[in-house]
């Protein structure tokens, strides 16, 4: 067991932002407009947010 001590500094938040941003953008784009163009906007937003989170990590 790891006793709850997890090292979150190794998680690539920019990559996770890309995946989740694309998925959320595609789903919302299909629901609201019927167009998958919004997946690109979700990808951009996810990348920016993920990179910002990566930039705020404290180095060990």
N, C-alpha and C. Protein backbone atom coordinates (compact mmCIF):
# COMPACT_ATOMS: atom_id res chain seq x y z
N UNK A 1 0.84 -1.18 0.00
CA UNK A 1 0.00 0.00 0.00
C UNK A 1 0.89 1.24 0.00
N UNK A 2 0.39 2.30 -0.58
CA UNK A 2 1.19 3.52 -0.66
C UNK A 2 0.82 4.53 0.43
N UNK A 3 -0.09 4.18 1.30
CA UNK A 3 -0.48 5.03 2.44
C UNK A 3 -0.95 6.41 2.01
N UNK A 4 -1.44 6.56 0.79
CA UNK A 4 -1.96 7.85 0.34
C UNK A 4 -0.92 8.85 -0.10
N UNK A 5 0.34 8.46 -0.14
CA UNK A 5 1.40 9.37 -0.57
C UNK A 5 1.64 9.19 -2.06
N UNK A 6 0.97 9.98 -2.85
CA UNK A 6 1.11 9.88 -4.29
C UNK A 6 1.91 11.05 -4.82
N UNK A 7 2.71 10.77 -5.83
CA UNK A 7 3.53 11.81 -6.44
C UNK A 7 2.80 12.35 -7.68
N UNK A 8 2.10 13.45 -7.51
CA UNK A 8 1.34 14.02 -8.61
C UNK A 8 2.21 14.84 -9.57
N UNK A 9 3.48 15.01 -9.26
CA UNK A 9 4.35 15.80 -10.12
C UNK A 9 4.69 15.09 -11.42
N UNK A 10 4.43 13.81 -11.51
CA UNK A 10 4.75 13.05 -12.73
C UNK A 10 3.55 12.92 -13.67
N UNK A 11 2.42 13.47 -13.31
CA UNK A 11 1.24 13.39 -14.16
C UNK A 11 1.33 14.45 -15.25
N UNK A 12 1.21 14.06 -16.52
CA UNK A 12 1.26 15.05 -17.61
C UNK A 12 -0.11 15.72 -17.81
N UNK A 13 -0.32 16.82 -17.11
CA UNK A 13 -1.62 17.48 -17.16
C UNK A 13 -1.91 18.08 -18.54
N UNK A 14 -0.89 18.44 -19.28
CA UNK A 14 -1.12 18.96 -20.62
C UNK A 14 -1.72 17.88 -21.51
N UNK A 15 -1.24 16.66 -21.39
CA UNK A 15 -1.79 15.55 -22.15
C UNK A 15 -3.21 15.23 -21.74
N UNK A 16 -3.45 15.24 -20.45
CA UNK A 16 -4.81 14.99 -19.97
C UNK A 16 -5.76 16.10 -20.43
N UNK A 17 -5.26 17.33 -20.44
CA UNK A 17 -6.08 18.44 -20.92
C UNK A 17 -6.44 18.28 -22.39
N UNK A 18 -5.50 17.79 -23.19
CA UNK A 18 -5.78 17.54 -24.61
C UNK A 18 -6.88 16.50 -24.78
N UNK A 19 -6.76 15.40 -24.06
CA UNK A 19 -7.73 14.31 -24.19
C UNK A 19 -9.12 14.76 -23.74
N UNK A 20 -9.19 15.30 -22.53
CA UNK A 20 -10.50 15.68 -22.00
C UNK A 20 -11.07 16.90 -22.72
N UNK A 21 -10.24 17.85 -23.11
CA UNK A 21 -10.71 19.01 -23.85
C UNK A 21 -11.30 18.64 -25.19
N UNK A 22 -10.64 17.72 -25.90
CA UNK A 22 -11.16 17.26 -27.19
C UNK A 22 -12.48 16.54 -27.01
N UNK A 23 -12.55 15.66 -26.02
CA UNK A 23 -13.78 14.89 -25.79
C UNK A 23 -14.94 15.81 -25.41
N UNK A 24 -14.70 16.72 -24.49
CA UNK A 24 -15.77 17.62 -24.04
C UNK A 24 -16.18 18.56 -25.18
N UNK A 25 -15.20 19.08 -25.91
CA UNK A 25 -15.52 19.95 -27.04
C UNK A 25 -16.33 19.24 -28.11
N UNK A 26 -15.98 17.99 -28.40
CA UNK A 26 -16.71 17.23 -29.41
C UNK A 26 -18.14 16.94 -28.97
N UNK A 27 -18.29 16.52 -27.72
CA UNK A 27 -19.64 16.20 -27.22
C UNK A 27 -20.52 17.44 -27.18
N UNK A 28 -20.00 18.53 -26.62
CA UNK A 28 -20.81 19.75 -26.56
C UNK A 28 -21.08 20.31 -27.94
N UNK A 29 -20.10 20.22 -28.83
CA UNK A 29 -20.31 20.69 -30.20
C UNK A 29 -21.39 19.90 -30.91
N UNK A 30 -21.41 18.59 -30.74
CA UNK A 30 -22.45 17.77 -31.36
C UNK A 30 -23.82 18.05 -30.77
N UNK A 31 -23.87 18.22 -29.47
CA UNK A 31 -25.16 18.47 -28.81
C UNK A 31 -25.72 19.84 -29.19
N UNK A 32 -24.87 20.86 -29.13
CA UNK A 32 -25.36 22.23 -29.33
C UNK A 32 -25.48 22.63 -30.79
N UNK A 33 -24.53 22.21 -31.63
CA UNK A 33 -24.54 22.69 -33.03
C UNK A 33 -24.60 21.57 -34.06
N UNK A 34 -24.32 20.34 -33.66
CA UNK A 34 -24.28 19.24 -34.62
C UNK A 34 -23.02 19.28 -35.47
N UNK A 35 -22.01 20.00 -35.02
CA UNK A 35 -20.78 20.17 -35.79
C UNK A 35 -19.59 19.81 -34.92
N UNK A 36 -18.66 19.01 -35.47
CA UNK A 36 -17.49 18.59 -34.71
C UNK A 36 -16.36 19.60 -34.72
N UNK A 37 -16.55 20.74 -35.36
CA UNK A 37 -15.51 21.78 -35.40
C UNK A 37 -15.13 22.21 -33.99
N UNK A 38 -16.06 22.15 -33.06
CA UNK A 38 -15.80 22.60 -31.69
C UNK A 38 -14.84 21.69 -30.95
N UNK A 39 -14.58 20.49 -31.48
CA UNK A 39 -13.57 19.63 -30.86
C UNK A 39 -12.20 20.30 -30.93
N UNK A 40 -11.95 21.07 -31.98
CA UNK A 40 -10.70 21.81 -32.10
C UNK A 40 -10.59 22.89 -31.04
N UNK A 41 -11.68 23.56 -30.77
CA UNK A 41 -11.67 24.59 -29.72
C UNK A 41 -11.44 23.94 -28.36
N UNK A 42 -12.07 22.79 -28.12
CA UNK A 42 -11.88 22.07 -26.87
C UNK A 42 -10.43 21.61 -26.71
N UNK A 43 -9.82 21.20 -27.82
CA UNK A 43 -8.42 20.78 -27.78
C UNK A 43 -7.52 21.94 -27.37
N UNK A 44 -7.75 23.11 -27.95
CA UNK A 44 -6.95 24.28 -27.61
C UNK A 44 -7.12 24.69 -26.16
N UNK A 45 -8.35 24.72 -25.70
CA UNK A 45 -8.62 25.11 -24.31
C UNK A 45 -8.01 24.09 -23.35
N UNK A 46 -8.17 22.81 -23.66
CA UNK A 46 -7.60 21.76 -22.80
C UNK A 46 -6.09 21.84 -22.73
N UNK A 47 -5.45 22.14 -23.86
CA UNK A 47 -3.99 22.25 -23.88
C UNK A 47 -3.52 23.43 -23.03
N UNK A 48 -4.20 24.56 -23.16
CA UNK A 48 -3.81 25.75 -22.39
C UNK A 48 -3.99 25.52 -20.89
N UNK A 49 -5.12 24.95 -20.50
CA UNK A 49 -5.37 24.71 -19.08
C UNK A 49 -4.40 23.66 -18.53
N UNK A 50 -4.17 22.58 -19.28
CA UNK A 50 -3.23 21.56 -18.83
C UNK A 50 -1.81 22.09 -18.71
N UNK A 51 -1.39 22.91 -19.67
CA UNK A 51 -0.05 23.49 -19.60
C UNK A 51 0.07 24.46 -18.42
N UNK A 52 -0.99 25.19 -18.12
CA UNK A 52 -0.98 26.09 -16.97
C UNK A 52 -0.84 25.30 -15.67
N UNK A 53 -1.55 24.19 -15.57
CA UNK A 53 -1.43 23.35 -14.36
C UNK A 53 -0.03 22.77 -14.27
N UNK A 54 0.52 22.31 -15.40
CA UNK A 54 1.89 21.80 -15.40
C UNK A 54 2.88 22.88 -14.96
N UNK A 55 2.65 24.11 -15.36
CA UNK A 55 3.55 25.20 -15.01
C UNK A 55 3.49 25.58 -13.54
N UNK A 56 2.38 25.29 -12.88
CA UNK A 56 2.24 25.63 -11.47
C UNK A 56 2.76 24.56 -10.53
N UNK A 57 3.19 23.41 -11.06
CA UNK A 57 3.71 22.35 -10.21
C UNK A 57 5.00 22.78 -9.55
N UNK A 58 5.16 22.41 -8.31
CA UNK A 58 6.39 22.73 -7.59
C UNK A 58 7.44 21.66 -7.89
N UNK A 59 8.64 22.07 -8.28
CA UNK A 59 9.67 21.06 -8.51
C UNK A 59 10.11 20.42 -7.20
N UNK A 60 10.42 19.14 -7.29
CA UNK A 60 10.84 18.43 -6.07
C UNK A 60 12.32 18.40 -5.94
